[in-house]
């Protein structure tokens, strides 16, 4: 999984395919270890935006788990959640919502409303609501998950902070800048104290706060944070790491928000070229960078005329 987290997708894919074939031959196609390897390969496809292959593998796994272990087995529910997350990434909001809701109801019945697995699914459903512009649902469920996690695992647990981030996103999406900023600031300060200033989770929280500043028209504050995050991420994770490239794109948007069009275009072009080389031309992040870059270039030409 280290190859996957480092963005070395081709190497990860080759290794997982090899492991699957070996486990199929030695253990059989329906053995849990074989299915776990298939899950790893599916995750590799998903990280590359290869949705069709991802969905096919997760559907195959889900059907096998249902048949072998039953619909309420933890591994069945995990594969169902993985398929739901794939639908979310593809923008199939209704399919994702339906599956996550189904998993949540089963988990509530089998392990209880306060079990970590149930809360994790509820958190994922909050993300779907946020992605699908269902802000009130996102806020309602987000508050519920956050309060429960505070009580069960404590205010400084990473899962609690993840819930806090989702709730802050719901506030931000509703234009409730003060509420969003307060929560993002709290998440950032806690991560700094608990995990350190250079931890990836800390850097992500800083990027979220910068985005909130940018949305309020506070470009200089956003830029200061974005630059700090990008420099740290480049040093700690590497210049070509997916997280670093995400921050590079964020900084380009921050520069554009300050009407620094030339700097924004140059940075977005660099981001696009790196993503194309690392992820391939059809990855969602690559396509998103190209779409933004093309739009900005056209706007710049129009301004020039």
Foldseek 3Di string as FASTA:
>chain_A
DVCVQLLVLVVQLVVLVVVLVVCCVVPNCLDPVNLVSLQSNLVSCVQLVVLVSNLVSLVVSLVSCCVPPNCLDPSNLVSLQSNLVSCLSVVVLVSSLVSLVVSLVSCCVPPRCLDPVNLVSLLVNLVSCLSVVVLVSSLVSLVVSLVSCCVPPRCLDPVNLSSLQSNLSSCVSVVVLVSSLVSLVVSLVSCCVPVNCLDPSNLVSLQSNLVSCLVVLNLVSSLVSLVVSLVSCCVPSNCLGPSNLVSLLSNLVSCVSVVVLVVSLVSLVVSLVSCCVSSNCPGPVNVVSVVVNVVSVVVVVVVVD
